[in-house]
mmCIF file of all heavy atoms, coordinates in Angstrom:
data_MODEL
# 
_entry.id   MODEL 
# 
loop_
_atom_site.group_PDB 
_atom_site.id 
_atom_site.type_symbol 
_atom_site.label_atom_id 
_atom_site.label_alt_id 
_atom_site.label_comp_id 
_atom_site.label_asym_id 
_atom_site.label_entity_id 
_atom_site.label_seq_id 
_atom_site.pdbx_PDB_ins_code 
_atom_site.Cartn_x 
_atom_site.Cartn_y 
_atom_site.Cartn_z 
_atom_site.occupancy 
_atom_site.B_iso_or_equiv 
_atom_site.pdbx_formal_charge 
_atom_site.auth_seq_id 
_atom_site.auth_comp_id 
_atom_site.auth_asym_id 
_atom_site.auth_atom_id 
_atom_site.pdbx_PDB_model_num 
ATOM 1   N N   . VAL A 1 1  ? 49.817 -11.617 164.145 1.00 0.00 ? 1  VAL A N   1 
ATOM 2   C CA  . VAL A 1 1  ? 50.884 -11.220 163.214 1.00 0.00 ? 1  VAL A CA  1 
ATOM 3   C C   . VAL A 1 1  ? 51.164 -12.317 162.186 1.00 0.00 ? 1  VAL A C   1 
ATOM 4   O O   . VAL A 1 1  ? 51.705 -12.042 161.117 1.00 0.00 ? 1  VAL A O   1 
ATOM 5   C CB  . VAL A 1 1  ? 52.183 -10.830 163.954 1.00 0.00 ? 1  VAL A CB  1 
ATOM 6   C CG1 . VAL A 1 1  ? 51.925 -9.719  164.953 1.00 0.00 ? 1  VAL A CG1 1 
ATOM 7   C CG2 . VAL A 1 1  ? 52.846 -12.021 164.620 1.00 0.00 ? 1  VAL A CG2 1 
ATOM 8   N N   . LEU A 1 2  ? 50.810 -13.554 162.518 1.00 0.00 ? 2  LEU A N   1 
ATOM 9   C CA  . LEU A 1 2  ? 51.012 -14.639 161.551 1.00 0.00 ? 2  LEU A CA  1 
ATOM 10  C C   . LEU A 1 2  ? 50.246 -14.394 160.260 1.00 0.00 ? 2  LEU A C   1 
ATOM 11  O O   . LEU A 1 2  ? 50.616 -14.913 159.200 1.00 0.00 ? 2  LEU A O   1 
ATOM 12  C CB  . LEU A 1 2  ? 50.565 -15.973 162.162 1.00 0.00 ? 2  LEU A CB  1 
ATOM 13  C CG  . LEU A 1 2  ? 51.396 -16.504 163.344 1.00 0.00 ? 2  LEU A CG  1 
ATOM 14  C CD1 . LEU A 1 2  ? 50.677 -17.675 163.998 1.00 0.00 ? 2  LEU A CD1 1 
ATOM 15  C CD2 . LEU A 1 2  ? 52.788 -16.908 162.887 1.00 0.00 ? 2  LEU A CD2 1 
ATOM 16  N N   . SER A 1 3  ? 49.190 -13.593 160.333 1.00 0.00 ? 3  SER A N   1 
ATOM 17  C CA  . SER A 1 3  ? 48.351 -13.351 159.158 1.00 0.00 ? 3  SER A CA  1 
ATOM 18  C C   . SER A 1 3  ? 48.983 -12.411 158.143 1.00 0.00 ? 3  SER A C   1 
ATOM 19  O O   . SER A 1 3  ? 48.461 -12.247 157.046 1.00 0.00 ? 3  SER A O   1 
ATOM 20  C CB  . SER A 1 3  ? 46.998 -12.785 159.602 1.00 0.00 ? 3  SER A CB  1 
ATOM 21  O OG  . SER A 1 3  ? 47.144 -11.475 160.123 1.00 0.00 ? 3  SER A OG  1 
ATOM 22  N N   . VAL A 1 4  ? 50.124 -11.780 158.502 1.00 0.00 ? 4  VAL A N   1 
ATOM 23  C CA  . VAL A 1 4  ? 50.710 -10.798 157.587 1.00 0.00 ? 4  VAL A CA  1 
ATOM 24  C C   . VAL A 1 4  ? 52.197 -11.021 157.323 1.00 0.00 ? 4  VAL A C   1 
ATOM 25  O O   . VAL A 1 4  ? 52.784 -10.345 156.476 1.00 0.00 ? 4  VAL A O   1 
ATOM 26  C CB  . VAL A 1 4  ? 50.511 -9.355  158.132 1.00 0.00 ? 4  VAL A CB  1 
ATOM 27  C CG1 . VAL A 1 4  ? 49.038 -9.057  158.360 1.00 0.00 ? 4  VAL A CG1 1 
ATOM 28  C CG2 . VAL A 1 4  ? 51.306 -9.121  159.413 1.00 0.00 ? 4  VAL A CG2 1 
ATOM 29  N N   . LEU A 1 5  ? 52.815 -11.934 158.021 1.00 0.00 ? 5  LEU A N   1 
ATOM 30  C CA  . LEU A 1 5  ? 54.276 -11.999 158.052 1.00 0.00 ? 5  LEU A CA  1 
ATOM 31  C C   . LEU A 1 5  ? 54.946 -12.177 156.699 1.00 0.00 ? 5  LEU A C   1 
ATOM 32  O O   . LEU A 1 5  ? 56.065 -11.700 156.486 1.00 0.00 ? 5  LEU A O   1 
ATOM 33  C CB  . LEU A 1 5  ? 54.738 -13.121 158.981 1.00 0.00 ? 5  LEU A CB  1 
ATOM 34  C CG  . LEU A 1 5  ? 54.656 -12.823 160.482 1.00 0.00 ? 5  LEU A CG  1 
ATOM 35  C CD1 . LEU A 1 5  ? 55.242 -13.978 161.270 1.00 0.00 ? 5  LEU A CD1 1 
ATOM 36  C CD2 . LEU A 1 5  ? 55.357 -11.525 160.838 1.00 0.00 ? 5  LEU A CD2 1 
ATOM 37  N N   . LYS A 1 6  ? 54.285 -12.835 155.759 1.00 0.00 ? 6  LYS A N   1 
ATOM 38  C CA  . LYS A 1 6  ? 54.955 -13.087 154.486 1.00 0.00 ? 6  LYS A CA  1 
ATOM 39  C C   . LYS A 1 6  ? 54.709 -12.002 153.443 1.00 0.00 ? 6  LYS A C   1 
ATOM 40  O O   . LYS A 1 6  ? 55.101 -12.142 152.286 1.00 0.00 ? 6  LYS A O   1 
ATOM 41  C CB  . LYS A 1 6  ? 54.546 -14.463 153.952 1.00 0.00 ? 6  LYS A CB  1 
ATOM 42  C CG  . LYS A 1 6  ? 55.148 -15.594 154.784 1.00 0.00 ? 6  LYS A CG  1 
ATOM 43  C CD  . LYS A 1 6  ? 55.125 -16.925 154.077 1.00 0.00 ? 6  LYS A CD  1 
ATOM 44  C CE  . LYS A 1 6  ? 55.898 -17.972 154.866 1.00 0.00 ? 6  LYS A CE  1 
ATOM 45  N NZ  . LYS A 1 6  ? 55.935 -19.285 154.176 1.00 0.00 ? 6  LYS A NZ  1 
ATOM 46  N N   . THR A 1 7  ? 54.077 -10.920 153.870 1.00 0.00 ? 7  THR A N   1 
ATOM 47  C CA  . THR A 1 7  ? 53.908 -9.773  152.977 1.00 0.00 ? 7  THR A CA  1 
ATOM 48  C C   . THR A 1 7  ? 55.260 -9.105  152.788 1.00 0.00 ? 7  THR A C   1 
ATOM 49  O O   . THR A 1 7  ? 55.980 -8.843  153.748 1.00 0.00 ? 7  THR A O   1 
ATOM 50  C CB  . THR A 1 7  ? 52.905 -8.759  153.564 1.00 0.00 ? 7  THR A CB  1 
ATOM 51  O OG1 . THR A 1 7  ? 51.736 -9.449  153.992 1.00 0.00 ? 7  THR A OG1 1 
ATOM 52  C CG2 . THR A 1 7  ? 52.546 -7.702  152.533 1.00 0.00 ? 7  THR A CG2 1 
ATOM 53  N N   . GLY A 1 8  ? 55.614 -8.809  151.551 1.00 0.00 ? 8  GLY A N   1 
ATOM 54  C CA  . GLY A 1 8  ? 56.931 -8.244  151.272 1.00 0.00 ? 8  GLY A CA  1 
ATOM 55  C C   . GLY A 1 8  ? 57.049 -6.787  151.664 1.00 0.00 ? 8  GLY A C   1 
ATOM 56  O O   . GLY A 1 8  ? 56.057 -6.075  151.819 1.00 0.00 ? 8  GLY A O   1 
ATOM 57  N N   . ALA A 1 9  ? 58.291 -6.334  151.818 1.00 0.00 ? 9  ALA A N   1 
ATOM 58  C CA  . ALA A 1 9  ? 58.550 -4.924  152.095 1.00 0.00 ? 9  ALA A CA  1 
ATOM 59  C C   . ALA A 1 9  ? 58.331 -4.111  150.810 1.00 0.00 ? 9  ALA A C   1 
ATOM 60  O O   . ALA A 1 9  ? 58.579 -4.605  149.701 1.00 0.00 ? 9  ALA A O   1 
ATOM 61  C CB  . ALA A 1 9  ? 59.982 -4.750  152.575 1.00 0.00 ? 9  ALA A CB  1 
ATOM 62  N N   . VAL A 1 10 ? 57.827 -2.888  150.914 1.00 0.00 ? 10 VAL A N   1 
ATOM 63  C CA  . VAL A 1 10 ? 57.454 -2.169  152.124 1.00 0.00 ? 10 VAL A CA  1 
ATOM 64  C C   . VAL A 1 10 ? 55.953 -2.327  152.323 1.00 0.00 ? 10 VAL A C   1 
ATOM 65  O O   . VAL A 1 10 ? 55.177 -2.198  151.379 1.00 0.00 ? 10 VAL A O   1 
ATOM 66  C CB  . VAL A 1 10 ? 57.841 -0.695  151.980 1.00 0.00 ? 10 VAL A CB  1 
ATOM 67  C CG1 . VAL A 1 10 ? 57.302 0.119   153.150 1.00 0.00 ? 10 VAL A CG1 1 
ATOM 68  C CG2 . VAL A 1 10 ? 59.351 -0.533  151.865 1.00 0.00 ? 10 VAL A CG2 1 
ATOM 69  N N   . CYS A 1 11 ? 55.529 -2.566  153.581 1.00 0.00 ? 11 CYS A N   1 
ATOM 70  C CA  . CYS A 1 11 ? 54.120 -2.718  153.875 1.00 0.00 ? 11 CYS A CA  1 
ATOM 71  C C   . CYS A 1 11 ? 53.862 -2.299  155.307 1.00 0.00 ? 11 CYS A C   1 
ATOM 72  O O   . CYS A 1 11 ? 54.790 -2.200  156.113 1.00 0.00 ? 11 CYS A O   1 
ATOM 73  C CB  . CYS A 1 11 ? 53.668 -4.167  153.653 1.00 0.00 ? 11 CYS A CB  1 
ATOM 74  S SG  . CYS A 1 11 ? 54.489 -5.360  154.741 1.00 0.00 ? 11 CYS A SG  1 
ATOM 75  N N   . ALA A 1 12 ? 52.598 -2.052  155.625 1.00 0.00 ? 12 ALA A N   1 
ATOM 76  C CA  . ALA A 1 12 ? 52.228 -1.669  156.994 1.00 0.00 ? 12 ALA A CA  1 
ATOM 77  C C   . ALA A 1 12 ? 50.824 -2.155  157.280 1.00 0.00 ? 12 ALA A C   1 
ATOM 78  O O   . ALA A 1 12 ? 49.977 -2.250  156.375 1.00 0.00 ? 12 ALA A O   1 
ATOM 79  C CB  . ALA A 1 12 ? 52.318 -0.153  157.171 1.00 0.00 ? 12 ALA A CB  1 
ATOM 80  N N   . PHE A 1 13 ? 50.555 -2.438  158.558 1.00 0.00 ? 13 PHE A N   1 
ATOM 81  C CA  . PHE A 1 13 ? 49.249 -2.935  158.980 1.00 0.00 ? 13 PHE A CA  1 
ATOM 82  C C   . PHE A 1 13 ? 48.876 -2.322  160.327 1.00 0.00 ? 13 PHE A C   1 
ATOM 83  O O   . PHE A 1 13 ? 49.740 -2.118  161.185 1.00 0.00 ? 13 PHE A O   1 
ATOM 84  C CB  . PHE A 1 13 ? 49.263 -4.462  159.116 1.00 0.00 ? 13 PHE A CB  1 
ATOM 85  C CG  . PHE A 1 13 ? 49.562 -5.180  157.835 1.00 0.00 ? 13 PHE A CG  1 
ATOM 86  C CD1 . PHE A 1 13 ? 50.871 -5.449  157.467 1.00 0.00 ? 13 PHE A CD1 1 
ATOM 87  C CD2 . PHE A 1 13 ? 48.535 -5.566  156.984 1.00 0.00 ? 13 PHE A CD2 1 
ATOM 88  C CE1 . PHE A 1 13 ? 51.163 -6.096  156.283 1.00 0.00 ? 13 PHE A CE1 1 
ATOM 89  C CE2 . PHE A 1 13 ? 48.812 -6.210  155.794 1.00 0.00 ? 13 PHE A CE2 1 
ATOM 90  C CZ  . PHE A 1 13 ? 50.126 -6.478  155.437 1.00 0.00 ? 13 PHE A CZ  1 
ATOM 91  N N   . SER A 1 14 ? 47.599 -2.046  160.488 1.00 0.00 ? 14 SER A N   1 
ATOM 92  C CA  . SER A 1 14 ? 47.090 -1.564  161.772 1.00 0.00 ? 14 SER A CA  1 
ATOM 93  C C   . SER A 1 14 ? 45.919 -2.428  162.197 1.00 0.00 ? 14 SER A C   1 
ATOM 94  O O   . SER A 1 14 ? 45.231 -3.025  161.360 1.00 0.00 ? 14 SER A O   1 
ATOM 95  C CB  . SER A 1 14 ? 46.674 -0.092  161.685 1.00 0.00 ? 14 SER A CB  1 
ATOM 96  O OG  . SER A 1 14 ? 45.664 0.074   160.700 1.00 0.00 ? 14 SER A OG  1 
ATOM 97  N N   . LYS A 1 15 ? 45.691 -2.523  163.497 1.00 0.00 ? 15 LYS A N   1 
ATOM 98  C CA  . LYS A 1 15 ? 44.641 -3.385  164.043 1.00 0.00 ? 15 LYS A CA  1 
ATOM 99  C C   . LYS A 1 15 ? 43.296 -2.675  163.936 1.00 0.00 ? 15 LYS A C   1 
ATOM 100 O O   . LYS A 1 15 ? 43.156 -1.512  164.333 1.00 0.00 ? 15 LYS A O   1 
ATOM 101 C CB  . LYS A 1 15 ? 44.991 -3.704  165.498 1.00 0.00 ? 15 LYS A CB  1 
ATOM 102 C CG  . LYS A 1 15 ? 44.236 -4.856  166.130 1.00 0.00 ? 15 LYS A CG  1 
ATOM 103 C CD  . LYS A 1 15 ? 44.680 -6.221  165.639 1.00 0.00 ? 15 LYS A CD  1 
ATOM 104 C CE  . LYS A 1 15 ? 46.018 -6.718  166.100 1.00 0.00 ? 15 LYS A CE  1 
ATOM 105 N NZ  . LYS A 1 15 ? 46.146 -7.075  167.490 1.00 0.00 ? 15 LYS A NZ  1 
ATOM 106 N N   . ASN A 1 16 ? 42.315 -3.371  163.402 1.00 0.00 ? 16 ASN A N   1 
ATOM 107 C CA  . ASN A 1 16 ? 40.974 -2.775  163.296 1.00 0.00 ? 16 ASN A CA  1 
ATOM 108 C C   . ASN A 1 16 ? 40.140 -3.131  164.530 1.00 0.00 ? 16 ASN A C   1 
ATOM 109 O O   . ASN A 1 16 ? 40.623 -3.781  165.466 1.00 0.00 ? 16 ASN A O   1 
ATOM 110 C CB  . ASN A 1 16 ? 40.278 -3.207  162.000 1.00 0.00 ? 16 ASN A CB  1 
ATOM 111 C CG  . ASN A 1 16 ? 39.980 -4.704  161.942 1.00 0.00 ? 16 ASN A CG  1 
ATOM 112 O OD1 . ASN A 1 16 ? 40.069 -5.417  162.946 1.00 0.00 ? 16 ASN A OD1 1 
ATOM 113 N ND2 . ASN A 1 16 ? 39.622 -5.191  160.761 1.00 0.00 ? 16 ASN A ND2 1 
ATOM 114 N N   . ALA A 1 17 ? 38.870 -2.713  164.526 1.00 0.00 ? 17 ALA A N   1 
ATOM 115 C CA  . ALA A 1 17 ? 38.003 -2.912  165.689 1.00 0.00 ? 17 ALA A CA  1 
ATOM 116 C C   . ALA A 1 17 ? 37.764 -4.382  165.981 1.00 0.00 ? 17 ALA A C   1 
ATOM 117 O O   . ALA A 1 17 ? 37.445 -4.755  167.115 1.00 0.00 ? 17 ALA A O   1 
ATOM 118 C CB  . ALA A 1 17 ? 36.668 -2.191  165.471 1.00 0.00 ? 17 ALA A CB  1 
ATOM 119 N N   . GLU A 1 18 ? 37.896 -5.227  164.963 1.00 0.00 ? 18 GLU A N   1 
ATOM 120 C CA  . GLU A 1 18 ? 37.695 -6.659  165.150 1.00 0.00 ? 18 GLU A CA  1 
ATOM 121 C C   . GLU A 1 18 ? 38.975 -7.373  165.587 1.00 0.00 ? 18 GLU A C   1 
ATOM 122 O O   . GLU A 1 18 ? 38.994 -8.594  165.739 1.00 0.00 ? 18 GLU A O   1 
ATOM 123 C CB  . GLU A 1 18 ? 37.190 -7.313  163.857 1.00 0.00 ? 18 GLU A CB  1 
ATOM 124 C CG  . GLU A 1 18 ? 35.736 -6.983  163.517 1.00 0.00 ? 18 GLU A CG  1 
ATOM 125 C CD  . GLU A 1 18 ? 35.571 -5.552  163.022 1.00 0.00 ? 18 GLU A CD  1 
ATOM 126 O OE1 . GLU A 1 18 ? 36.434 -5.095  162.242 1.00 0.00 ? 18 GLU A OE1 1 
ATOM 127 O OE2 . GLU A 1 18 ? 34.592 -4.904  163.436 1.00 0.00 ? 18 GLU A OE2 1 
ATOM 128 N N   . GLY A 1 19 ? 40.041 -6.603  165.775 1.00 0.00 ? 19 GLY A N   1 
ATOM 129 C CA  . GLY A 1 19 ? 41.293 -7.204  166.213 1.00 0.00 ? 19 GLY A CA  1 
ATOM 130 C C   . GLY A 1 19 ? 42.105 -7.830  165.106 1.00 0.00 ? 19 GLY A C   1 
ATOM 131 O O   . GLY A 1 19 ? 43.016 -8.624  165.367 1.00 0.00 ? 19 GLY A O   1 
ATOM 132 N N   . ARG A 1 20 ? 41.800 -7.478  163.846 1.00 0.00 ? 20 ARG A N   1 
ATOM 133 C CA  . ARG A 1 20 ? 42.545 -8.014  162.709 1.00 0.00 ? 20 ARG A CA  1 
ATOM 134 C C   . ARG A 1 20 ? 43.502 -6.959  162.176 1.00 0.00 ? 20 ARG A C   1 
ATOM 135 O O   . ARG A 1 20 ? 43.181 -5.766  162.145 1.00 0.00 ? 20 ARG A O   1 
ATOM 136 C CB  . ARG A 1 20 ? 41.589 -8.450  161.591 1.00 0.00 ? 20 ARG A CB  1 
ATOM 137 C CG  . ARG A 1 20 ? 40.533 -9.450  162.021 1.00 0.00 ? 20 ARG A CG  1 
ATOM 138 C CD  . ARG A 1 20 ? 41.145 -10.702 162.641 1.00 0.00 ? 20 ARG A CD  1 
ATOM 139 N NE  . ARG A 1 20 ? 42.072 -11.376 161.751 1.00 0.00 ? 20 ARG A NE  1 
ATOM 140 C CZ  . ARG A 1 20 ? 41.719 -12.299 160.858 1.00 0.00 ? 20 ARG A CZ  1 
ATOM 141 N NH1 . ARG A 1 20 ? 40.444 -12.636 160.728 1.00 0.00 ? 20 ARG A NH1 1 
ATOM 142 N NH2 . ARG A 1 20 ? 42.629 -12.866 160.086 1.00 0.00 ? 20 ARG A NH2 1 
ATOM 143 N N   . LEU A 1 21 ? 44.652 -7.388  161.718 1.00 0.00 ? 21 LEU A N   1 
ATOM 144 C CA  . LEU A 1 21 ? 45.614 -6.489  161.095 1.00 0.00 ? 21 LEU A CA  1 
ATOM 145 C C   . LEU A 1 21 ? 45.225 -6.283  159.638 1.00 0.00 ? 21 LEU A C   1 
ATOM 146 O O   . LEU A 1 21 ? 45.105 -7.246  158.876 1.00 0.00 ? 21 LEU A O   1 
ATOM 147 C CB  . LEU A 1 21 ? 47.026 -7.065  161.186 1.00 0.00 ? 21 LEU A CB  1 
ATOM 148 C CG  . LEU A 1 21 ? 47.659 -7.027  162.585 1.00 0.00 ? 21 LEU A CG  1 
ATOM 149 C CD1 . LEU A 1 21 ? 48.930 -7.871  162.622 1.00 0.00 ? 21 LEU A CD1 1 
ATOM 150 C CD2 . LEU A 1 21 ? 47.966 -5.592  163.012 1.00 0.00 ? 21 LEU A CD2 1 
ATOM 151 N N   . VAL A 1 22 ? 45.015 -5.023  159.269 1.00 0.00 ? 22 VAL A N   1 
ATOM 152 C CA  . VAL A 1 22 ? 44.587 -4.698  157.915 1.00 0.00 ? 22 VAL A CA  1 
ATOM 153 C C   . VAL A 1 22 ? 45.591 -3.735  157.279 1.00 0.00 ? 22 VAL A C   1 
ATOM 154 O O   . VAL A 1 22 ? 46.259 -2.965  157.976 1.00 0.00 ? 22 VAL A O   1 
ATOM 155 C CB  . VAL A 1 22 ? 43.177 -4.062  157.920 1.00 0.00 ? 22 VAL A CB  1 
ATOM 156 C CG1 . VAL A 1 22 ? 42.150 -5.065  158.429 1.00 0.00 ? 22 VAL A CG1 1 
ATOM 157 C CG2 . VAL A 1 22 ? 43.145 -2.792  158.768 1.00 0.00 ? 22 VAL A CG2 1 
ATOM 158 N N   . PRO A 1 23 ? 45.729 -3.771  155.944 1.00 0.00 ? 23 PRO A N   1 
ATOM 159 C CA  . PRO A 1 23 ? 46.711 -2.903  155.273 1.00 0.00 ? 23 PRO A CA  1 
ATOM 160 C C   . PRO A 1 23 ? 46.443 -1.431  155.542 1.00 0.00 ? 23 PRO A C   1 
ATOM 161 O O   . PRO A 1 23 ? 45.295 -0.993  155.646 1.00 0.00 ? 23 PRO A O   1 
ATOM 162 C CB  . PRO A 1 23 ? 46.510 -3.235  153.789 1.00 0.00 ? 23 PRO A CB  1 
ATOM 163 C CG  . PRO A 1 23 ? 45.875 -4.592  153.782 1.00 0.00 ? 23 PRO A CG  1 
ATOM 164 C CD  . PRO A 1 23 ? 45.007 -4.638  154.996 1.00 0.00 ? 23 PRO A CD  1 
ATOM 165 N N   . THR A 1 24 ? 47.531 -0.674  155.668 1.00 0.00 ? 24 THR A N   1 
ATOM 166 C CA  . THR A 1 24 ? 47.422 0.760   155.875 1.00 0.00 ? 24 THR A CA  1 
ATOM 167 C C   . THR A 1 24 ? 48.582 1.441   155.148 1.00 0.00 ? 24 THR A C   1 
ATOM 168 O O   . THR A 1 24 ? 49.677 0.857   155.044 1.00 0.00 ? 24 THR A O   1 
ATOM 169 C CB  . THR A 1 24 ? 47.445 1.101   157.377 1.00 0.00 ? 24 THR A CB  1 
ATOM 170 O OG1 . THR A 1 24 ? 47.163 2.478   157.577 1.00 0.00 ? 24 THR A OG1 1 
ATOM 171 C CG2 . THR A 1 24 ? 48.800 0.792   157.999 1.00 0.00 ? 24 THR A CG2 1 
# 
């Protein structure tokens, strides 16, 4: 989650097959 925390609202992320959170 540290990889996305400073993204401003509104945003969303889902975990991909490699275990990384990617924009959705």
